[in-house]
Amino acid sequence: MADPWDDDLLGFRAVGATFTKLVQSVGADEPGSKVISIEAGFGRGKTFFRENWAKELRDAGEVVVEIDARQSDHSGDPVVTLIAALVGALPKAGWQTILIVRFSVVSEGPV
């Protein structure tokens, strides 16, 4: 298995490891989903982090649902995109814990 952080020039490996420990420890004694929202401006490495952290989580046995609203929200309604991603994960994962990571772009100036 390749290390998801091999090409990490931004120093996100430690952040990913910390978030993985957080996800695995929060509610470890009871089933349920976990949601983490990561927000940063354009070009700050959110996509790189999401993709590589998702690999790390999958390698650790977690079920991951990735949603990139900019790439996948064709309906104009984010709820439809979210439900489609969850339903898409269920046949593979069964009714296990599902981790949703939400990423938002924060405007750096007036819109």
C-alpha atoms as a PDB file:
ATOM      1  CA  MET A   1       0.000   0.000   0.000  1.00  0.00           C
ATOM      2  CA  ALA A   2       1.428   3.380  -1.017  1.00  0.00           C
ATOM      3  CA  ASP A   3       1.755   6.100   1.595  1.00  0.00           C
ATOM      4  CA  PRO A   4      -0.947   8.682   0.802  1.00  0.00           C
ATOM      5  CA  TRP A   5       1.344  11.474   1.972  1.00  0.00           C
ATOM      6  CA  ASP A   6       4.392  10.643  -0.203  1.00  0.00           C
ATOM      7  CA  ASP A   7       4.059  13.867  -2.206  1.00  0.00           C
ATOM      8  CA  ASP A   8       3.008  16.069   0.727  1.00  0.00           C
ATOM      9  CA  LEU A   9       4.903  19.327   0.223  1.00  0.00           C
ATOM     10  CA  LEU A  10       2.429  21.288   2.348  1.00  0.00           C
ATOM     11  CA  GLY A  11       3.043  19.462   5.640  1.00  0.00           C
ATOM     12  CA  PHE A  12      -0.458  18.005   5.911  1.00  0.00           C
ATOM     13  CA  ARG A  13       0.662  14.538   7.088  1.00  0.00           C
ATOM     14  CA  ALA A  14       0.554  15.560  10.763  1.00  0.00           C
ATOM     15  CA  VAL A  15      -2.848  17.224  10.341  1.00  0.00           C
ATOM     16  CA  GLY A  16      -4.209  14.080   8.686  1.00  0.00           C
ATOM     17  CA  ALA A  17      -2.848  11.856  11.454  1.00  0.00           C
ATOM     18  CA  THR A  18      -4.381  14.110  14.115  1.00  0.00           C
ATOM     19  CA  PHE A  19      -7.760  14.168  12.370  1.00  0.00           C
ATOM     20  CA  THR A  20      -7.663  10.375  11.920  1.00  0.00           C
ATOM     21  CA  LYS A  21      -7.099   9.911  15.664  1.00  0.00           C
ATOM     22  CA  LEU A  22      -9.924  12.354  16.363  1.00  0.00           C
ATOM     23  CA  VAL A  23     -12.341  10.532  14.056  1.00  0.00           C
ATOM     24  CA  GLN A  24     -11.445   7.151  15.522  1.00  0.00           C
ATOM     25  CA  SER A  25     -11.694   8.308  19.143  1.00  0.00           C
ATOM     26  CA  VAL A  26     -14.874  10.408  19.067  1.00  0.00           C
ATOM     27  CA  GLY A  27     -17.767   8.106  19.887  1.00  0.00           C
ATOM     28  CA  ALA A  28     -15.584   5.008  19.620  1.00  0.00           C
ATOM     29  CA  ASP A  29     -17.848   3.189  22.082  1.00  0.00           C
ATOM     30  CA  GLU A  30     -21.065   3.953  20.167  1.00  0.00           C
ATOM     31  CA  PRO A  31     -21.833   3.667  16.463  1.00  0.00           C
ATOM     32  CA  GLY A  32     -22.651   6.735  14.447  1.00  0.00           C
ATOM     33  CA  SER A  33     -21.355   9.032  11.779  1.00  0.00           C
ATOM     34  CA  LYS A  34     -18.809  11.777  12.188  1.00  0.00           C
ATOM     35  CA  VAL A  35     -18.755  15.028  10.247  1.00  0.00           C
ATOM     36  CA  ILE A  36     -15.777  17.319   9.894  1.00  0.00           C
ATOM     37  CA  SER A  37     -15.924  20.609   8.016  1.00  0.00           C
ATOM     38  CA  ILE A  38     -12.714  22.071   6.667  1.00  0.00           C
ATOM     39  CA  GLU A  39     -12.848  25.593   5.345  1.00  0.00           C
ATOM     40  CA  ALA A  40     -10.073  27.583   3.682  1.00  0.00           C
ATOM     41  CA  GLY A  41      -9.594  30.011   0.846  1.00  0.00           C
ATOM     42  CA  PHE A  42      -8.984  29.137  -2.783  1.00  0.00           C
ATOM     43  CA  GLY A  43      -5.664  27.408  -3.423  1.00  0.00           C
ATOM     44  CA  ARG A  44      -4.947  26.501   0.202  1.00  0.00           C
ATOM     45  CA  GLY A  45      -4.697  22.718  -0.386  1.00  0.00           C
ATOM     46  CA  LYS A  46      -8.195  21.524   0.591  1.00  0.00           C
ATOM     47  CA  THR A  47      -8.521  19.125  -2.358  1.00  0.00           C
ATOM     48  CA  PHE A  48      -5.033  17.693  -1.856  1.00  0.00           C
ATOM     49  CA  PHE A  49      -5.726  17.218   1.850  1.00  0.00           C
ATOM     50  CA  ARG A  50      -9.187  15.685   1.285  1.00  0.00           C
ATOM     51  CA  GLU A  51      -7.986  13.186  -1.297  1.00  0.00           C
ATOM     52  CA  ASN A  52      -4.946  12.032   0.679  1.00  0.00           C
ATOM     53  CA  TRP A  53      -6.649  12.009   4.055  1.00  0.00           C
ATOM     54  CA  ALA A  54      -9.472   9.928   2.545  1.00  0.00           C
ATOM     55  CA  LYS A  55      -6.838   7.403   1.390  1.00  0.00           C
ATOM     56  CA  GLU A  56      -5.352   7.334   4.901  1.00  0.00           C
ATOM     57  CA  LEU A  57      -8.787   6.767   6.453  1.00  0.00           C
ATOM     58  CA  ARG A  58      -9.656   3.990   3.986  1.00  0.00           C
ATOM     59  CA  ASP A  59      -6.302   2.325   4.718  1.00  0.00           C
ATOM     60  CA  ALA A  60      -7.273   2.474   8.419  1.00  0.00           C
ATOM     61  CA  GLY A  61     -10.549   0.656   7.669  1.00  0.00           C
ATOM     62  CA  GLU A  62     -12.879   3.665   7.789  1.00  0.00           C
ATOM     63  CA  VAL A  63     -15.732   4.152   5.339  1.00  0.00           C
ATOM     64  CA  VAL A  64     -15.335   7.507   3.625  1.00  0.00           C
ATOM     65  CA  VAL A  65     -17.821   9.489   1.566  1.00  0.00           C
ATOM     66  CA  GLU A  66     -16.146  12.305  -0.327  1.00  0.00           C
ATOM     67  CA  ILE A  67     -18.185  15.159  -1.719  1.00  0.00           C
ATOM     68  CA  ASP A  68     -16.776  17.912  -3.876  1.00  0.00           C
ATOM     69  CA  ALA A  69     -19.805  20.135  -4.403  1.00  0.00           C
ATOM     70  CA  ARG A  70     -18.064  22.119  -7.091  1.00  0.00           C
ATOM     71  CA  GLN A  71     -17.477  18.961  -9.133  1.00  0.00           C
ATOM     72  CA  SER A  72     -20.634  16.991  -8.358  1.00  0.00           C
ATOM     73  CA  ASP A  73     -23.511  19.340  -7.553  1.00  0.00           C
ATOM     74  CA  HIS A  74     -25.355  19.378 -10.876  1.00  0.00           C
ATOM     75  CA  SER A  75     -28.812  19.642  -9.320  1.00  0.00           C
ATOM     76  CA  GLY A  76     -28.315  23.018  -7.670  1.00  0.00           C
ATOM     77  CA  ASP A  77     -29.434  21.483  -4.365  1.00  0.00           C
ATOM     78  CA  PRO A  78     -26.610  20.310  -2.072  1.00  0.00           C
ATOM     79  CA  VAL A  79     -28.958  17.945  -0.210  1.00  0.00           C
ATOM     80  CA  VAL A  80     -29.466  15.929  -3.406  1.00  0.00           C
ATOM     81  CA  THR A  81     -25.686  15.668  -3.846  1.00  0.00           C
ATOM     82  CA  LEU A  82     -25.235  14.588  -0.220  1.00  0.00           C
ATOM     83  CA  ILE A  83     -27.965  11.938  -0.369  1.00  0.00           C
ATOM     84  CA  ALA A  84     -26.637  10.602  -3.681  1.00  0.00           C
ATOM     85  CA  ALA A  85     -23.143  10.247  -2.182  1.00  0.00           C
ATOM     86  CA  LEU A  86     -24.498   8.462   0.896  1.00  0.00           C
ATOM     87  CA  VAL A  87     -26.655   6.088  -1.142  1.00  0.00           C
ATOM     88  CA  GLY A  88     -23.687   5.421  -3.417  1.00  0.00           C
ATOM     89  CA  ALA A  89     -21.601   4.378  -0.410  1.00  0.00           C
ATOM     90  CA  LEU A  90     -24.191   2.107   1.194  1.00  0.00           C
ATOM     91  CA  PRO A  91     -24.040  -0.939  -1.109  1.00  0.00           C
ATOM     92  CA  LYS A  92     -20.272  -1.128  -0.643  1.00  0.00           C
ATOM     93  CA  ALA A  93     -20.243  -0.268   3.044  1.00  0.00           C
ATOM     94  CA  GLY A  94     -23.498  -1.701   4.322  1.00  0.00           C
ATOM     95  CA  TRP A  95     -25.060   0.132   7.243  1.00  0.00           C
ATOM     96  CA  GLN A  96     -21.747   1.002   8.871  1.00  0.00           C
ATOM     97  CA  THR A  97     -20.468   4.300  10.161  1.00  0.00           C
ATOM     98  CA  ILE A  98     -20.075   6.799   7.373  1.00  0.00           C
ATOM     99  CA  LEU A  99     -17.669   9.716   7.607  1.00  0.00           C
ATOM    100  CA  ILE A 100     -18.582  12.825   5.681  1.00  0.00           C
ATOM    101  CA  VAL A 101     -16.005  15.495   5.119  1.00  0.00           C
ATOM    102  CA  ARG A 102     -17.411  18.831   3.961  1.00  0.00           C
ATOM    103  CA  PHE A 103     -15.225  21.411   2.340  1.00  0.00           C
ATOM    104  CA  SER A 104     -16.203  25.029   1.761  1.00  0.00           C
ATOM    105  CA  VAL A 105     -14.459  27.851   0.006  1.00  0.00           C
ATOM    106  CA  VAL A 106     -14.255  30.961   2.126  1.00  0.00           C
ATOM    107  CA  SER A 107     -14.262  34.175   0.136  1.00  0.00           C
ATOM    108  CA  GLU A 108     -11.111  36.215   0.580  1.00  0.00           C
ATOM    109  CA  GLY A 109     -12.788  39.486  -0.280  1.00  0.00           C
ATOM    110  CA  PRO A 110     -16.014  41.107  -1.407  1.00  0.00           C
ATOM    111  CA  VAL A 111     -18.162  39.007  -3.678  1.00  0.00           C
END
